[in-house]
Amino acid sequence: MASGGRISASIAIDGQDLEGDIAHLRWFIVDDTLRGTGIGKRLLDAAIAFCDAQGFSETHLWMFQGLDTSRALYERVGFRLAEEKNGQQWGADVLDAEVIRQKRPLLSKQVWAIRARLQLANNLRDLALFNVAIDSKLRGCDLVRLSVVDLVKEDCVRERVSVIQSKTRRPVQFELTENIRDPVLAWVKSPEMLACLFMFPNRFHDCPHISTRQYGRLVHDWVSAIGLEPSGYGTHSLRRTKAAEIYRKTGNLRAVQLLLGHTKVDSTVRYLGVELEDALSIAENIDL
């Protein structure tokens, strides 16, 4: 942001230096003359909106102790402390802090609350989209590109589906459970889907299917409708929901890795937010 011919405020997001679907907030600087004007809040909101629109599952940043005003801004948009360690900045000892903004998975009762609202509203498109998002565990960019033939064959919804992920160019398989298949078929057979090639067509723009940005707005509306704070949830909340439940019930990271289509189990560990305490709790239940 420029003022008087010079840059007075700046924020930078790097989407490549960290692995997986992780964004790195590299710097966030506001000139002292602009303190209290709301410029910092506006810049940060714009950066977070960009990360959400691009489909990043997490945003990481590193800061050091004493930046209380900045930390309050970060916490307002969902960043939480992940790790603190001693370090050095400009020759002085400081306490470095890594803070992470990660979209929370939905709880089972929240999934059913959203389903119930969509069913009562007879919103066939949104109900099918929500259900497929939960079962497929796909990234938003792959979910919105699903074609009718990916899911339906000869008037029957497939029980298992295989698609190529756009991010990794590797195949991933997912299941469509019985209670999901009926709403999917009802949507495919609705008049709105006549002659449509994609499962979730875009009626108003050149793109033949809805965009990830549109999908993100729908997720915002769904979680808001059941009283959740939308800043804590996004498209990756739906991708993470069933995976987190499978891990909670089985402790099988390898299975979750395959279902999410991750190439490295480390990515799955980070994606689920698995902590040492979780691993120890699972180990305590195994007797040899």
C-alpha atoms as a PDB file:
ATOM      1  CA  MET A   1       0.000   0.000   0.000  1.00  0.00           C
ATOM      2  CA  ALA A   2       1.529   3.300  -1.101  1.00  0.00           C
ATOM      3  CA  SER A   3       1.169   6.678   0.602  1.00  0.00           C
ATOM      4  CA  GLY A   4       2.936   9.882  -0.376  1.00  0.00           C
ATOM      5  CA  GLY A   5       4.999   8.142  -3.030  1.00  0.00           C
ATOM      6  CA  ARG A   6       6.350   5.428  -0.738  1.00  0.00           C
ATOM      7  CA  ILE A   7       5.214   2.005   0.434  1.00  0.00           C
ATOM      8  CA  SER A   8       3.638   2.418   3.861  1.00  0.00           C
ATOM      9  CA  ALA A   9       2.182  -1.048   4.390  1.00  0.00           C
ATOM     10  CA  SER A  10       2.877  -4.465   2.891  1.00  0.00           C
ATOM     11  CA  ILE A  11       1.891  -8.086   3.344  1.00  0.00           C
ATOM     12  CA  ALA A  12       3.256 -11.092   1.447  1.00  0.00           C
ATOM     13  CA  ILE A  13       1.926 -14.630   1.008  1.00  0.00           C
ATOM     14  CA  ASP A  14       4.213 -17.372  -0.333  1.00  0.00           C
ATOM     15  CA  GLY A  15       2.433 -20.490  -1.568  1.00  0.00           C
ATOM     16  CA  GLN A  16       5.497 -22.475  -2.619  1.00  0.00           C
ATOM     17  CA  ASP A  17       8.187 -22.595   0.067  1.00  0.00           C
ATOM     18  CA  LEU A  18       6.221 -24.841   2.456  1.00  0.00           C
ATOM     19  CA  GLU A  19       5.078 -28.310   1.451  1.00  0.00           C
ATOM     20  CA  GLY A  20       1.543 -29.374   0.624  1.00  0.00           C
ATOM     21  CA  ASP A  21      -1.439 -27.019   0.667  1.00  0.00           C
ATOM     22  CA  ILE A  22       0.260 -24.610   3.082  1.00  0.00           C
ATOM     23  CA  ALA A  23       0.636 -20.872   2.650  1.00  0.00           C
ATOM     24  CA  HIS A  24       3.417 -18.910   4.356  1.00  0.00           C
ATOM     25  CA  LEU A  25       2.709 -15.372   5.532  1.00  0.00           C
ATOM     26  CA  ARG A  26       6.257 -14.110   5.066  1.00  0.00           C
ATOM     27  CA  TRP A  27       5.917 -10.526   6.231  1.00  0.00           C
ATOM     28  CA  PHE A  28       3.320  -8.059   7.428  1.00  0.00           C
ATOM     29  CA  ILE A  29       4.577  -4.505   7.886  1.00  0.00           C
ATOM     30  CA  VAL A  30       2.633  -1.310   8.641  1.00  0.00           C
ATOM     31  CA  ASP A  31       4.280   2.111   8.989  1.00  0.00           C
ATOM     32  CA  ASP A  32       3.952   3.686  12.441  1.00  0.00           C
ATOM     33  CA  THR A  33       2.104   6.646  10.913  1.00  0.00           C
ATOM     34  CA  LEU A  34      -0.743   4.296   9.926  1.00  0.00           C
ATOM     35  CA  ARG A  35      -1.175   2.620  13.303  1.00  0.00           C
ATOM     36  CA  GLY A  36      -4.778   2.702  14.470  1.00  0.00           C
ATOM     37  CA  THR A  37      -6.209   3.469  11.019  1.00  0.00           C
ATOM     38  CA  GLY A  38      -7.440  -0.064  10.310  1.00  0.00           C
ATOM     39  CA  ILE A  39      -5.018  -0.521   7.413  1.00  0.00           C
ATOM     40  CA  GLY A  40      -3.393  -3.543   9.040  1.00  0.00           C
ATOM     41  CA  LYS A  41      -6.737  -5.250   9.587  1.00  0.00           C
ATOM     42  CA  ARG A  42      -7.753  -4.628   5.970  1.00  0.00           C
ATOM     43  CA  LEU A  43      -4.452  -5.965   4.596  1.00  0.00           C
ATOM     44  CA  LEU A  44      -4.599  -9.086   6.756  1.00  0.00           C
ATOM     45  CA  ASP A  45      -8.242  -9.744   5.841  1.00  0.00           C
ATOM     46  CA  ALA A  46      -7.341  -9.448   2.147  1.00  0.00           C
ATOM     47  CA  ALA A  47      -4.411 -11.866   2.557  1.00  0.00           C
ATOM     48  CA  ILE A  48      -6.557 -14.410   4.420  1.00  0.00           C
ATOM     49  CA  ALA A  49      -9.315 -14.122   1.802  1.00  0.00           C
ATOM     50  CA  PHE A  50      -6.681 -14.805  -0.869  1.00  0.00           C
ATOM     51  CA  CYS A  51      -5.437 -17.920   0.982  1.00  0.00           C
ATOM     52  CA  ASP A  52      -8.984 -19.227   1.323  1.00  0.00           C
ATOM     53  CA  ALA A  53      -9.787 -18.547  -2.336  1.00  0.00           C
ATOM     54  CA  GLN A  54      -6.632 -20.408  -3.405  1.00  0.00           C
ATOM     55  CA  GLY A  55      -7.639 -23.431  -1.338  1.00  0.00           C
ATOM     56  CA  PHE A  56      -4.737 -23.509   1.128  1.00  0.00           C
ATOM     57  CA  SER A  57      -5.514 -25.816   4.055  1.00  0.00           C
ATOM     58  CA  GLU A  58      -3.245 -23.896   6.442  1.00  0.00           C
ATOM     59  CA  THR A  59      -1.422 -20.598   6.734  1.00  0.00           C
ATOM     60  CA  HIS A  60       1.786 -20.444   8.797  1.00  0.00           C
ATOM     61  CA  LEU A  61       3.771 -17.513  10.111  1.00  0.00           C
ATOM     62  CA  TRP A  62       6.624 -16.931  12.529  1.00  0.00           C
ATOM     63  CA  MET A  63       6.777 -14.011  14.943  1.00  0.00           C
ATOM     64  CA  PHE A  64       8.543 -13.161  18.170  1.00  0.00           C
ATOM     65  CA  GLN A  65       7.441 -12.211  21.657  1.00  0.00           C
ATOM     66  CA  GLY A  66       6.384  -8.615  22.214  1.00  0.00           C
ATOM     67  CA  LEU A  67       4.314  -8.078  19.068  1.00  0.00           C
ATOM     68  CA  ASP A  68       1.074  -8.102  21.068  1.00  0.00           C
ATOM     69  CA  THR A  69      -0.908  -5.918  18.652  1.00  0.00           C
ATOM     70  CA  SER A  70       0.007  -8.102  15.683  1.00  0.00           C
ATOM     71  CA  ARG A  71      -0.711 -11.262  17.639  1.00  0.00           C
ATOM     72  CA  ALA A  72      -4.195  -9.988  18.504  1.00  0.00           C
ATOM     73  CA  LEU A  73      -4.839  -9.375  14.791  1.00  0.00           C
ATOM     74  CA  TYR A  74      -3.681 -12.886  13.919  1.00  0.00           C
ATOM     75  CA  GLU A  75      -5.824 -14.498  16.615  1.00  0.00           C
ATOM     76  CA  ARG A  76      -8.867 -12.568  15.374  1.00  0.00           C
ATOM     77  CA  VAL A  77      -8.677 -14.366  12.009  1.00  0.00           C
ATOM     78  CA  GLY A  78      -8.060 -17.809  13.478  1.00  0.00           C
ATOM     79  CA  PHE A  79      -4.299 -18.170  14.016  1.00  0.00           C
ATOM     80  CA  ARG A  80      -3.299 -20.263  17.042  1.00  0.00           C
ATOM     81  CA  LEU A  81       0.058 -20.832  18.713  1.00  0.00           C
ATOM     82  CA  ALA A  82       1.718 -24.055  17.538  1.00  0.00           C
ATOM     83  CA  GLU A  83       5.257 -23.861  18.928  1.00  0.00           C
ATOM     84  CA  GLU A  84       7.589 -21.541  20.830  1.00  0.00           C
ATOM     85  CA  LYS A  85      11.387 -21.762  20.892  1.00  0.00           C
ATOM     86  CA  ASN A  86      14.377 -19.571  21.675  1.00  0.00           C
ATOM     87  CA  GLY A  87      16.038 -17.869  18.729  1.00  0.00           C
ATOM     88  CA  GLN A  88      17.874 -14.730  17.610  1.00  0.00           C
ATOM     89  CA  GLN A  89      16.739 -11.638  15.717  1.00  0.00           C
ATOM     90  CA  TRP A  90      19.192  -8.854  14.795  1.00  0.00           C
ATOM     91  CA  GLY A  91      21.752 -10.191  17.281  1.00  0.00           C
ATOM     92  CA  ALA A  92      19.360 -10.326  20.252  1.00  0.00           C
ATOM     93  CA  ASP A  93      17.857 -13.360  21.976  1.00  0.00           C
ATOM     94  CA  VAL A  94      14.113 -13.627  21.356  1.00  0.00           C
ATOM     95  CA  LEU A  95      11.325 -16.138  21.863  1.00  0.00           C
ATOM     96  CA  ASP A  96      10.183 -17.235  18.403  1.00  0.00           C
ATOM     97  CA  ALA A  97       6.586 -18.358  17.975  1.00  0.00           C
ATOM     98  CA  GLU A  98       5.064 -20.315  15.099  1.00  0.00           C
ATOM     99  CA  VAL A  99       1.355 -19.647  14.712  1.00  0.00           C
ATOM    100  CA  ILE A 100      -0.912 -21.585  12.359  1.00  0.00           C
ATOM    101  CA  ARG A 101      -4.332 -20.916  10.919  1.00  0.00           C
ATOM    102  CA  GLN A 102      -5.932 -24.268  10.160  1.00  0.00           C
ATOM    103  CA  LYS A 103      -9.516 -24.894   9.123  1.00  0.00           C
ATOM    104  CA  ARG A 104     -11.326 -27.037  11.673  1.00  0.00           C
ATOM    105  CA  PRO A 105     -13.150 -30.229  10.633  1.00  0.00           C
ATOM    106  CA  LEU A 106     -16.869 -30.462  11.262  1.00  0.00           C
ATOM    107  CA  LEU A 107     -18.215 -32.634  14.060  1.00  0.00           C
ATOM    108  CA  SER A 108     -20.709 -35.376  13.269  1.00  0.00           C
ATOM    109  CA  LYS A 109     -23.599 -33.416  14.788  1.00  0.00           C
ATOM    110  CA  GLN A 110     -22.653 -30.382  12.684  1.00  0.00           C
ATOM    111  CA  VAL A 111     -22.615 -32.479   9.501  1.00  0.00           C
ATOM    112  CA  TRP A 112     -26.121 -33.710  10.250  1.00  0.00           C
ATOM    113  CA  ALA A 113     -27.315 -30.213  11.151  1.00  0.00           C
ATOM    114  CA  ILE A 114     -26.211 -28.875   7.750  1.00  0.00           C
ATOM    115  CA  ARG A 115     -27.731 -31.875   5.954  1.00  0.00           C
ATOM    116  CA  ALA A 116     -31.044 -31.374   7.751  1.00  0.00           C
ATOM    117  CA  ARG A 117     -31.197 -27.693   6.770  1.00  0.00           C
ATOM    118  CA  LEU A 118     -30.451 -28.447   3.122  1.00  0.00           C
ATOM    119  CA  GLN A 119     -33.033 -31.250   3.063  1.00  0.00           C
ATOM    120  CA  LEU A 120     -35.718 -29.032   4.606  1.00  0.00           C
ATOM    121  CA  ALA A 121     -34.939 -26.346   2.027  1.00  0.00           C
ATOM    122  CA  ASN A 122     -35.150 -28.991  -0.747  1.00  0.00           C
ATOM    123  CA  ASN A 123     -31.823 -27.649  -2.020  1.00  0.00           C
ATOM    124  CA  LEU A 124     -30.816 -30.628  -4.155  1.00  0.00           C
ATOM    125  CA  ARG A 125     -27.654 -29.079  -5.599  1.00  0.00           C
ATOM    126  CA  ASP A 126     -26.192 -27.967  -2.271  1.00  0.00           C
ATOM    127  CA  LEU A 127     -27.165 -31.216  -0.542  1.00  0.00           C
ATOM    128  CA  ALA A 128     -25.416 -33.272  -3.225  1.00  0.00           C
ATOM    129  CA  LEU A 129     -22.359 -30.985  -3.159  1.00  0.00           C
ATOM    130  CA  PHE A 130     -22.086 -31.098   0.624  1.00  0.00           C
ATOM    131  CA  ASN A 131     -22.499 -34.873   0.794  1.00  0.00           C
ATOM    132  CA  VAL A 132     -19.995 -35.562  -1.982  1.00  0.00           C
ATOM    133  CA  ALA A 133     -17.514 -33.141  -0.377  1.00  0.00           C
ATOM    134  CA  ILE A 134     -17.686 -35.039   2.926  1.00  0.00           C
ATOM    135  CA  ASP A 135     -17.444 -38.530   1.413  1.00  0.00           C
ATOM    136  CA  SER A 136     -14.895 -37.788  -1.305  1.00  0.00           C
ATOM    137  CA  LYS A 137     -12.412 -35.875   0.875  1.00  0.00           C
ATOM    138  CA  LEU A 138     -11.318 -34.080  -2.310  1.00  0.00           C
ATOM    139  CA  ARG A 139      -9.664 -30.690  -2.552  1.00  0.00           C
ATOM    140  CA  GLY A 140     -12.101 -28.021  -3.670  1.00  0.00           C
ATOM    141  CA  CYS A 141     -10.438 -27.689  -7.082  1.00  0.00           C
ATOM    142  CA  ASP A 142     -11.087 -31.387  -7.785  1.00  0.00           C
ATOM    143  CA  LEU A 143     -14.553 -31.466  -6.240  1.00  0.00           C
ATOM    144  CA  VAL A 144     -15.986 -28.702  -8.437  1.00  0.00           C
ATOM    145  CA  ARG A 145     -14.613 -30.410 -11.579  1.00  0.00           C
ATOM    146  CA  LEU A 146     -16.371 -33.725 -10.993  1.00  0.00           C
ATOM    147  CA  SER A 147     -18.335 -34.804 -14.045  1.00  0.00           C
ATOM    148  CA  VAL A 148     -21.625 -36.684 -14.024  1.00  0.00           C
ATOM    149  CA  VAL A 149     -19.969 -39.789 -15.490  1.00  0.00           C
ATOM    150  CA  ASP A 150     -17.410 -39.735 -12.678  1.00  0.00           C
ATOM    151  CA  LEU A 151     -20.193 -40.493 -10.192  1.00  0.00           C
ATOM    152  CA  VAL A 152     -23.046 -42.009 -12.183  1.00  0.00           C
ATOM    153  CA  LYS A 153     -23.219 -44.962 -14.566  1.00  0.00           C
ATOM    154  CA  GLU A 154     -26.439 -46.201 -16.170  1.00  0.00           C
ATOM    155  CA  ASP A 155     -28.686 -44.337 -13.728  1.00  0.00           C
ATOM    156  CA  CYS A 156     -26.824 -45.737 -10.728  1.00  0.00           C
ATOM    157  CA  VAL A 157     -24.451 -43.836  -8.459  1.00  0.00           C
ATOM    158  CA  ARG A 158     -21.093 -45.553  -8.204  1.00  0.00           C
ATOM    159  CA  GLU A 159     -20.150 -46.961  -4.808  1.00  0.00           C
ATOM    160  CA  ARG A 160     -16.461 -46.271  -5.467  1.00  0.00           C
ATOM    161  CA  VAL A 161     -14.960 -43.537  -7.593  1.00  0.00           C
ATOM    162  CA  SER A 162     -11.431 -42.882  -8.856  1.00  0.00           C
ATOM    163  CA  VAL A 163     -10.274 -39.474 -10.084  1.00  0.00           C
ATOM    164  CA  ILE A 164      -6.955 -37.849 -10.971  1.00  0.00           C
ATOM    165  CA  GLN A 165      -5.962 -35.090  -8.560  1.00  0.00           C
ATOM    166  CA  SER A 166      -5.117 -31.833 -10.299  1.00  0.00           C
ATOM    167  CA  LYS A 167      -2.427 -30.956  -7.731  1.00  0.00           C
ATOM    168  CA  THR A 168      -0.422 -34.195  -7.794  1.00  0.00           C
ATOM    169  CA  ARG A 169      -1.644 -35.769 -11.078  1.00  0.00           C
ATOM    170  CA  ARG A 170      -2.020 -38.982  -9.085  1.00  0.00           C
ATOM    171  CA  PRO A 171      -5.228 -41.041  -8.788  1.00  0.00           C
ATOM    172  CA  VAL A 172      -7.227 -41.123  -5.588  1.00  0.00           C
ATOM    173  CA  GLN A 173     -10.215 -43.298  -4.796  1.00  0.00           C
ATOM    174  CA  PHE A 174     -13.185 -42.578  -2.570  1.00  0.00           C
ATOM    175  CA  GLU A 175     -16.425 -44.217  -1.544  1.00  0.00           C
ATOM    176  CA  LEU A 176     -19.971 -42.888  -1.774  1.00  0.00           C
ATOM    177  CA  THR A 177     -21.935 -44.352   1.127  1.00  0.00           C
ATOM    178  CA  GLU A 178     -25.509 -45.531   0.731  1.00  0.00           C
ATOM    179  CA  ASN A 179     -27.139 -42.531   2.424  1.00  0.00           C
ATOM    180  CA  ILE A 180     -25.211 -40.232   0.051  1.00  0.00           C
ATOM    181  CA  ARG A 181     -26.092 -41.985  -3.210  1.00  0.00           C
ATOM    182  CA  ASP A 182     -29.830 -41.221  -3.167  1.00  0.00           C
ATOM    183  CA  PRO A 183     -29.416 -37.414  -2.864  1.00  0.00           C
ATOM    184  CA  VAL A 184     -26.756 -37.491  -5.607  1.00  0.00           C
ATOM    185  CA  LEU A 185     -29.056 -39.365  -7.956  1.00  0.00           C
ATOM    186  CA  ALA A 186     -31.977 -37.044  -7.129  1.00  0.00           C
ATOM    187  CA  TRP A 187     -29.820 -34.051  -8.122  1.00  0.00           C
ATOM    188  CA  VAL A 188     -28.587 -35.686 -11.357  1.00  0.00           C
ATOM    189  CA  LYS A 189     -32.176 -36.462 -12.402  1.00  0.00           C
ATOM    190  CA  SER A 190     -33.493 -32.982 -11.591  1.00  0.00           C
ATOM    191  CA  PRO A 191     -34.541 -30.650 -14.475  1.00  0.00           C
ATOM    192  CA  GLU A 192     -31.666 -28.293 -13.633  1.00  0.00           C
ATOM    193  CA  MET A 193     -29.174 -30.977 -14.644  1.00  0.00           C
ATOM    194  CA  LEU A 194     -30.624 -31.586 -18.107  1.00  0.00           C
ATOM    195  CA  ALA A 195     -27.753 -31.950 -20.617  1.00  0.00           C
ATOM    196  CA  CYS A 196     -25.142 -30.957 -17.985  1.00  0.00           C
ATOM    197  CA  LEU A 197     -21.739 -32.627 -18.144  1.00  0.00           C
ATOM    198  CA  PHE A 198     -20.494 -31.488 -14.726  1.00  0.00           C
ATOM    199  CA  MET A 199     -22.009 -32.432 -11.381  1.00  0.00           C
ATOM    200  CA  PHE A 200     -22.130 -28.840 -10.182  1.00  0.00           C
ATOM    201  CA  PRO A 201     -22.671 -26.646 -13.257  1.00  0.00           C
ATOM    202  CA  ASN A 202     -22.276 -22.897 -13.360  1.00  0.00           C
ATOM    203  CA  ARG A 203     -25.334 -21.349 -14.997  1.00  0.00           C
ATOM    204  CA  PHE A 204     -24.229 -17.728 -15.063  1.00  0.00           C
ATOM    205  CA  HIS A 205     -20.612 -17.607 -16.262  1.00  0.00           C
ATOM    206  CA  ASP A 206     -18.417 -18.965 -19.019  1.00  0.00           C
ATOM    207  CA  CYS A 207     -16.936 -21.663 -16.765  1.00  0.00           C
ATOM    208  CA  PRO A 208     -18.954 -24.907 -17.120  1.00  0.00           C
ATOM    209  CA  HIS A 209     -18.797 -25.685 -13.399  1.00  0.00           C
ATOM    210  CA  ILE A 210     -18.875 -23.662 -10.186  1.00  0.00           C
ATOM    211  CA  SER A 211     -15.576 -22.136  -9.118  1.00  0.00           C
ATOM    212  CA  THR A 212     -13.658 -22.873  -5.928  1.00  0.00           C
ATOM    213  CA  ARG A 213     -14.503 -19.323  -4.837  1.00  0.00           C
ATOM    214  CA  GLN A 214     -18.224 -20.060  -5.228  1.00  0.00           C
ATOM    215  CA  TYR A 215     -17.764 -23.317  -3.357  1.00  0.00           C
ATOM    216  CA  GLY A 216     -16.015 -21.429  -0.555  1.00  0.00           C
ATOM    217  CA  ARG A 217     -18.936 -18.993  -0.293  1.00  0.00           C
ATOM    218  CA  LEU A 218     -21.353 -21.916  -0.032  1.00  0.00           C
ATOM    219  CA  VAL A 219     -19.320 -23.456   2.804  1.00  0.00           C
ATOM    220  CA  HIS A 220     -19.376 -20.057   4.534  1.00  0.00           C
ATOM    221  CA  ASP A 221     -23.178 -19.983   4.245  1.00  0.00           C
ATOM    222  CA  TRP A 222     -23.607 -23.577   5.452  1.00  0.00           C
ATOM    223  CA  VAL A 223     -21.541 -23.200   8.615  1.00  0.00           C
ATOM    224  CA  SER A 224     -23.009 -19.769   9.392  1.00  0.00           C
ATOM    225  CA  ALA A 225     -26.536 -21.197   9.113  1.00  0.00           C
ATOM    226  CA  ILE A 226     -25.892 -23.596  12.015  1.00  0.00           C
ATOM    227  CA  GLY A 227     -24.305 -20.930  14.205  1.00  0.00           C
ATOM    228  CA  LEU A 228     -20.588 -21.603  13.631  1.00  0.00           C
ATOM    229  CA  GLU A 229     -18.020 -18.831  13.272  1.00  0.00           C
ATOM    230  CA  PRO A 230     -17.226 -18.946   9.524  1.00  0.00           C
ATOM    231  CA  SER A 231     -13.647 -17.682   9.909  1.00  0.00           C
ATOM    232  CA  GLY A 232     -12.716 -21.030  11.485  1.00  0.00           C
ATOM    233  CA  TYR A 233     -14.049 -23.122   8.617  1.00  0.00           C
ATOM    234  CA  GLY A 234     -13.531 -23.428   4.874  1.00  0.00           C
ATOM    235  CA  THR A 235     -13.484 -25.877   2.003  1.00  0.00           C
ATOM    236  CA  HIS A 236     -10.703 -27.863   3.686  1.00  0.00           C
ATOM    237  CA  SER A 237     -12.966 -28.338   6.712  1.00  0.00           C
ATOM    238  CA  LEU A 238     -15.114 -30.625   4.585  1.00  0.00           C
ATOM    239  CA  ARG A 239     -12.066 -32.404   3.129  1.00  0.00           C
ATOM    240  CA  ARG A 240     -10.725 -32.918   6.655  1.00  0.00           C
ATOM    241  CA  THR A 241     -14.009 -33.961   8.345  1.00  0.00           C
ATOM    242  CA  LYS A 242     -14.291 -37.651   7.470  1.00  0.00           C
ATOM    243  CA  ALA A 243     -10.518 -38.137   7.468  1.00  0.00           C
ATOM    244  CA  ALA A 244     -10.302 -36.805  11.033  1.00  0.00           C
ATOM    245  CA  GLU A 245     -13.136 -39.081  12.148  1.00  0.00           C
ATOM    246  CA  ILE A 246     -11.506 -42.142  10.548  1.00  0.00           C
ATOM    247  CA  TYR A 247      -8.213 -41.344  12.280  1.00  0.00           C
ATOM    248  CA  ARG A 248      -9.956 -40.727  15.614  1.00  0.00           C
ATOM    249  CA  LYS A 249     -11.671 -44.131  15.473  1.00  0.00           C
ATOM    250  CA  THR A 250      -8.828 -46.223  14.021  1.00  0.00           C
ATOM    251  CA  GLY A 251      -5.536 -44.398  14.532  1.00  0.00           C
ATOM    252  CA  ASN A 252      -4.561 -45.656  11.062  1.00  0.00           C
ATOM    253  CA  LEU A 253      -2.536 -42.868   9.481  1.00  0.00           C
ATOM    254  CA  ARG A 254      -1.643 -44.914   6.406  1.00  0.00           C
ATOM    255  CA  ALA A 255      -5.313 -45.472   5.590  1.00  0.00           C
ATOM    256  CA  VAL A 256      -6.053 -41.770   5.946  1.00  0.00           C
ATOM    257  CA  GLN A 257      -3.008 -40.925   3.808  1.00  0.00           C
ATOM    258  CA  LEU A 258      -4.364 -43.092   0.978  1.00  0.00           C
ATOM    259  CA  LEU A 259      -7.866 -41.649   1.268  1.00  0.00           C
ATOM    260  CA  LEU A 260      -6.567 -38.076   1.137  1.00  0.00           C
ATOM    261  CA  GLY A 261      -4.189 -38.848  -1.731  1.00  0.00           C
ATOM    262  CA  HIS A 262      -1.134 -37.541   0.106  1.00  0.00           C
ATOM    263  CA  THR A 263       2.227 -38.645  -1.256  1.00  0.00           C
ATOM    264  CA  LYS A 264       3.905 -38.443   2.193  1.00  0.00           C
ATOM    265  CA  VAL A 265       2.576 -39.556   5.550  1.00  0.00           C
ATOM    266  CA  ASP A 266       4.210 -36.440   7.052  1.00  0.00           C
ATOM    267  CA  SER A 267       1.686 -34.362   5.113  1.00  0.00           C
ATOM    268  CA  THR A 268      -1.144 -36.407   6.616  1.00  0.00           C
ATOM    269  CA  VAL A 269       0.225 -35.977  10.145  1.00  0.00           C
ATOM    270  CA  ARG A 270       0.388 -32.217   9.690  1.00  0.00           C
ATOM    271  CA  TYR A 271      -2.964 -32.051   7.908  1.00  0.00           C
ATOM    272  CA  LEU A 272      -4.768 -33.842  10.733  1.00  0.00           C
ATOM    273  CA  GLY A 273      -2.893 -31.929  13.418  1.00  0.00           C
ATOM    274  CA  VAL A 274      -1.682 -35.174  14.988  1.00  0.00           C
ATOM    275  CA  GLU A 275       0.216 -34.516  18.210  1.00  0.00           C
ATOM    276  CA  LEU A 276       2.528 -36.714  20.266  1.00  0.00           C
ATOM    277  CA  GLU A 277      -0.206 -37.024  22.898  1.00  0.00           C
ATOM    278  CA  ASP A 278      -2.559 -38.472  20.256  1.00  0.00           C
ATOM    279  CA  ALA A 279       0.035 -41.034  19.226  1.00  0.00           C
ATOM    280  CA  LEU A 280       0.725 -42.038  22.832  1.00  0.00           C
ATOM    281  CA  SER A 281      -3.007 -42.422  23.558  1.00  0.00           C
ATOM    282  CA  ILE A 282      -3.338 -44.806  20.605  1.00  0.00           C
ATOM    283  CA  ALA A 283      -0.227 -46.745  21.677  1.00  0.00           C
ATOM    284  CA  GLU A 284      -1.607 -47.175  25.204  1.00  0.00           C
ATOM    285  CA  ASN A 285      -4.561 -49.118  23.787  1.00  0.00           C
ATOM    286  CA  ILE A 286      -2.344 -51.648  21.994  1.00  0.00           C
ATOM    287  CA  ASP A 287      -1.170 -54.691  23.951  1.00  0.00           C
ATOM    288  CA  LEU A 288       1.393 -57.181  22.643  1.00  0.00           C
END
